[in-house]
Amino acid sequence: MLWKLHRPSWADDPTWAAFTREGDALVKSYVAEMRKLAERRSCLFVDLYGPTEDCLWLMNDDQCHYNDVGHRVIGQAVFNTIAASCSFVGRKSVRQAREAGLDVTNTGGTSSTSRMVQYWLHR
């Protein structure tokens, strides 16, 4: 977020011209190129900037590092990409939850996390 508000002292030096774009244009161009690189290499890509853009409540007071909620948003985005692209993850989770007898009616939903972690560790 700082790059939107700060113009560094070296911004007028032609050596750094590629890095002195206004606002968040530099970050967005970086994300676009990383997406292209991932596609060329047949890799998964997760845009971590898009979901958090202009969400200052996800940042610590330094406006540079994410807070706990920001980390959870990023983690969820990564998980969603992996889960949507790797069907074996979902099938294994469903099978293991079924084998362990876990579901929302007997666990309260997310309160089953510790039981699932233990189940995964011993498989």
C-alpha atoms as a PDB file:
ATOM      1  CA  MET A   1       0.000   0.000   0.000  1.00  0.00           C
ATOM      2  CA  LEU A   2       2.906   2.329   0.628  1.00  0.00           C
ATOM      3  CA  TRP A   3       3.781   2.536  -3.074  1.00  0.00           C
ATOM      4  CA  LYS A   4       0.502   4.329  -3.691  1.00  0.00           C
ATOM      5  CA  LEU A   5       1.310   7.061  -1.194  1.00  0.00           C
ATOM      6  CA  HIS A   6       5.072   7.469  -1.449  1.00  0.00           C
ATOM      7  CA  ARG A   7       7.292   8.897  -4.175  1.00  0.00           C
ATOM      8  CA  PRO A   8      10.900   7.922  -3.440  1.00  0.00           C
ATOM      9  CA  SER A   9      13.717  10.422  -3.747  1.00  0.00           C
ATOM     10  CA  TRP A  10      15.237   8.400  -6.601  1.00  0.00           C
ATOM     11  CA  ALA A  11      12.021   8.511  -8.667  1.00  0.00           C
ATOM     12  CA  ASP A  12      13.437  11.068 -11.104  1.00  0.00           C
ATOM     13  CA  ASP A  13      16.618   9.075 -11.785  1.00  0.00           C
ATOM     14  CA  PRO A  14      16.278   7.536 -15.299  1.00  0.00           C
ATOM     15  CA  THR A  15      18.041   4.383 -14.069  1.00  0.00           C
ATOM     16  CA  TRP A  16      14.930   3.504 -12.084  1.00  0.00           C
ATOM     17  CA  ALA A  17      12.343   4.622 -14.663  1.00  0.00           C
ATOM     18  CA  ALA A  18      10.726   1.172 -14.922  1.00  0.00           C
ATOM     19  CA  PHE A  19      10.015   1.230 -11.189  1.00  0.00           C
ATOM     20  CA  THR A  20       8.502   4.700 -10.917  1.00  0.00           C
ATOM     21  CA  ARG A  21       5.020   4.115 -12.265  1.00  0.00           C
ATOM     22  CA  GLU A  22       2.193   6.022 -10.647  1.00  0.00           C
ATOM     23  CA  GLY A  23      -0.095   4.421  -8.076  1.00  0.00           C
ATOM     24  CA  ASP A  24      -0.112   0.646  -8.157  1.00  0.00           C
ATOM     25  CA  ALA A  25       0.607   0.265 -11.897  1.00  0.00           C
ATOM     26  CA  LEU A  26       3.978  -1.349 -11.172  1.00  0.00           C
ATOM     27  CA  VAL A  27       2.441  -3.965  -8.875  1.00  0.00           C
ATOM     28  CA  LYS A  28      -0.373  -4.713 -11.330  1.00  0.00           C
ATOM     29  CA  SER A  29       2.089  -5.116 -14.212  1.00  0.00           C
ATOM     30  CA  TYR A  30       4.191  -7.449 -12.061  1.00  0.00           C
ATOM     31  CA  VAL A  31       1.121  -9.554 -11.231  1.00  0.00           C
ATOM     32  CA  ALA A  32       0.141  -9.714 -14.922  1.00  0.00           C
ATOM     33  CA  GLU A  33       3.621 -10.877 -15.946  1.00  0.00           C
ATOM     34  CA  MET A  34       3.771 -13.459 -13.146  1.00  0.00           C
ATOM     35  CA  ARG A  35       0.406 -14.814 -14.330  1.00  0.00           C
ATOM     36  CA  LYS A  36       1.781 -15.143 -17.889  1.00  0.00           C
ATOM     37  CA  LEU A  37       4.928 -16.860 -16.628  1.00  0.00           C
ATOM     38  CA  ALA A  38       2.875 -19.335 -14.584  1.00  0.00           C
ATOM     39  CA  GLU A  39       0.689 -20.101 -17.614  1.00  0.00           C
ATOM     40  CA  ARG A  40       3.743 -20.657 -19.840  1.00  0.00           C
ATOM     41  CA  ARG A  41       5.181 -23.052 -17.266  1.00  0.00           C
ATOM     42  CA  SER A  42       1.826 -24.760 -16.547  1.00  0.00           C
ATOM     43  CA  CYS A  43       1.976 -23.661 -12.910  1.00  0.00           C
ATOM     44  CA  LEU A  44      -0.780 -22.580 -10.581  1.00  0.00           C
ATOM     45  CA  PHE A  45      -0.963 -18.839 -10.029  1.00  0.00           C
ATOM     46  CA  VAL A  46      -2.655 -17.007  -7.197  1.00  0.00           C
ATOM     47  CA  ASP A  47      -3.186 -13.260  -7.443  1.00  0.00           C
ATOM     48  CA  LEU A  48      -2.558 -12.128  -3.880  1.00  0.00           C
ATOM     49  CA  TYR A  49      -2.826  -8.446  -4.707  1.00  0.00           C
ATOM     50  CA  GLY A  50      -6.276  -8.365  -6.301  1.00  0.00           C
ATOM     51  CA  PRO A  51      -8.219  -9.749  -3.326  1.00  0.00           C
ATOM     52  CA  THR A  52      -6.507  -7.365  -0.913  1.00  0.00           C
ATOM     53  CA  GLU A  53      -6.237  -4.236  -3.066  1.00  0.00           C
ATOM     54  CA  ASP A  54      -7.332  -1.126  -1.157  1.00  0.00           C
ATOM     55  CA  CYS A  55      -8.310  -3.225   1.885  1.00  0.00           C
ATOM     56  CA  LEU A  56      -6.368  -1.255   4.472  1.00  0.00           C
ATOM     57  CA  TRP A  57      -8.098  -3.147   7.303  1.00  0.00           C
ATOM     58  CA  LEU A  58      -6.090  -6.208   6.213  1.00  0.00           C
ATOM     59  CA  MET A  59      -2.812  -4.368   6.814  1.00  0.00           C
ATOM     60  CA  ASN A  60      -0.815  -3.686   9.945  1.00  0.00           C
ATOM     61  CA  ASP A  61      -0.321  -0.070  10.960  1.00  0.00           C
ATOM     62  CA  ASP A  62       2.867   0.068   8.857  1.00  0.00           C
ATOM     63  CA  GLN A  63       0.673  -0.376   5.731  1.00  0.00           C
ATOM     64  CA  CYS A  64       3.286  -2.785   4.414  1.00  0.00           C
ATOM     65  CA  HIS A  65       2.656  -6.104   6.184  1.00  0.00           C
ATOM     66  CA  TYR A  66      -0.615  -7.992   6.457  1.00  0.00           C
ATOM     67  CA  ASN A  67      -2.312  -8.492   9.812  1.00  0.00           C
ATOM     68  CA  ASP A  68      -3.814 -11.807  10.952  1.00  0.00           C
ATOM     69  CA  VAL A  69      -7.003 -11.289   8.945  1.00  0.00           C
ATOM     70  CA  GLY A  70      -4.977 -10.367   5.855  1.00  0.00           C
ATOM     71  CA  HIS A  71      -2.963 -13.557   6.209  1.00  0.00           C
ATOM     72  CA  ARG A  72      -6.174 -15.569   6.425  1.00  0.00           C
ATOM     73  CA  VAL A  73      -7.540 -13.924   3.270  1.00  0.00           C
ATOM     74  CA  ILE A  74      -4.309 -14.744   1.436  1.00  0.00           C
ATOM     75  CA  GLY A  75      -4.264 -18.285   2.797  1.00  0.00           C
ATOM     76  CA  GLN A  76      -7.847 -18.818   1.675  1.00  0.00           C
ATOM     77  CA  ALA A  77      -7.007 -17.559  -1.829  1.00  0.00           C
ATOM     78  CA  VAL A  78      -4.066 -19.978  -2.047  1.00  0.00           C
ATOM     79  CA  PHE A  79      -6.173 -22.856  -0.716  1.00  0.00           C
ATOM     80  CA  ASN A  80      -9.000 -22.106  -3.155  1.00  0.00           C
ATOM     81  CA  THR A  81      -6.629 -22.223  -6.122  1.00  0.00           C
ATOM     82  CA  ILE A  82      -5.039 -25.469  -4.990  1.00  0.00           C
ATOM     83  CA  ALA A  83      -8.366 -27.101  -4.149  1.00  0.00           C
ATOM     84  CA  ALA A  84      -9.948 -26.020  -7.447  1.00  0.00           C
ATOM     85  CA  SER A  85      -6.972 -27.284  -9.457  1.00  0.00           C
ATOM     86  CA  CYS A  86      -6.031 -30.445  -7.603  1.00  0.00           C
ATOM     87  CA  SER A  87      -9.109 -32.611  -7.237  1.00  0.00           C
ATOM     88  CA  PHE A  88      -7.228 -35.244  -5.234  1.00  0.00           C
ATOM     89  CA  VAL A  89      -7.002 -32.804  -2.304  1.00  0.00           C
ATOM     90  CA  GLY A  90     -10.785 -32.482  -2.102  1.00  0.00           C
ATOM     91  CA  ARG A  91     -11.428 -36.194  -2.581  1.00  0.00           C
ATOM     92  CA  LYS A  92      -8.904 -37.119   0.115  1.00  0.00           C
ATOM     93  CA  SER A  93     -10.402 -34.601   2.552  1.00  0.00           C
ATOM     94  CA  VAL A  94     -13.946 -35.802   1.951  1.00  0.00           C
ATOM     95  CA  ARG A  95     -12.908 -39.447   2.307  1.00  0.00           C
ATOM     96  CA  GLN A  96     -10.971 -38.779   5.508  1.00  0.00           C
ATOM     97  CA  ALA A  97     -13.764 -36.713   7.018  1.00  0.00           C
ATOM     98  CA  ARG A  98     -16.194 -39.534   6.231  1.00  0.00           C
ATOM     99  CA  GLU A  99     -13.865 -42.178   7.718  1.00  0.00           C
ATOM    100  CA  ALA A 100     -13.354 -40.103  10.876  1.00  0.00           C
ATOM    101  CA  GLY A 101     -17.098 -39.468  11.186  1.00  0.00           C
ATOM    102  CA  LEU A 102     -16.680 -35.701  10.897  1.00  0.00           C
ATOM    103  CA  ASP A 103     -19.416 -33.466   9.561  1.00  0.00           C
ATOM    104  CA  VAL A 104     -21.094 -30.197  10.458  1.00  0.00           C
ATOM    105  CA  THR A 105     -23.778 -31.932  12.497  1.00  0.00           C
ATOM    106  CA  ASN A 106     -21.305 -33.371  15.010  1.00  0.00           C
ATOM    107  CA  THR A 107     -18.401 -30.932  14.922  1.00  0.00           C
ATOM    108  CA  GLY A 108     -19.858 -27.474  14.551  1.00  0.00           C
ATOM    109  CA  GLY A 109     -18.071 -27.118  11.212  1.00  0.00           C
ATOM    110  CA  THR A 110     -14.665 -25.536  11.643  1.00  0.00           C
ATOM    111  CA  SER A 111     -14.234 -26.881  15.173  1.00  0.00           C
ATOM    112  CA  SER A 112     -13.250 -30.179  13.550  1.00  0.00           C
ATOM    113  CA  THR A 113      -9.961 -28.685  12.337  1.00  0.00           C
ATOM    114  CA  SER A 114      -7.792 -30.115  15.119  1.00  0.00           C
ATOM    115  CA  ARG A 115      -9.342 -33.573  14.683  1.00  0.00           C
ATOM    116  CA  MET A 116      -8.746 -33.413  10.917  1.00  0.00           C
ATOM    117  CA  VAL A 117      -5.111 -32.349  11.414  1.00  0.00           C
ATOM    118  CA  GLN A 118      -4.531 -35.276  13.754  1.00  0.00           C
ATOM    119  CA  TYR A 119      -6.242 -37.620  11.314  1.00  0.00           C
ATOM    120  CA  TRP A 120      -4.076 -36.350   8.419  1.00  0.00           C
ATOM    121  CA  LEU A 121      -0.885 -36.670  10.466  1.00  0.00           C
ATOM    122  CA  HIS A 122      -1.539 -40.316  11.204  1.00  0.00           C
ATOM    123  CA  ARG A 123      -2.405 -41.320   7.629  1.00  0.00           C
END
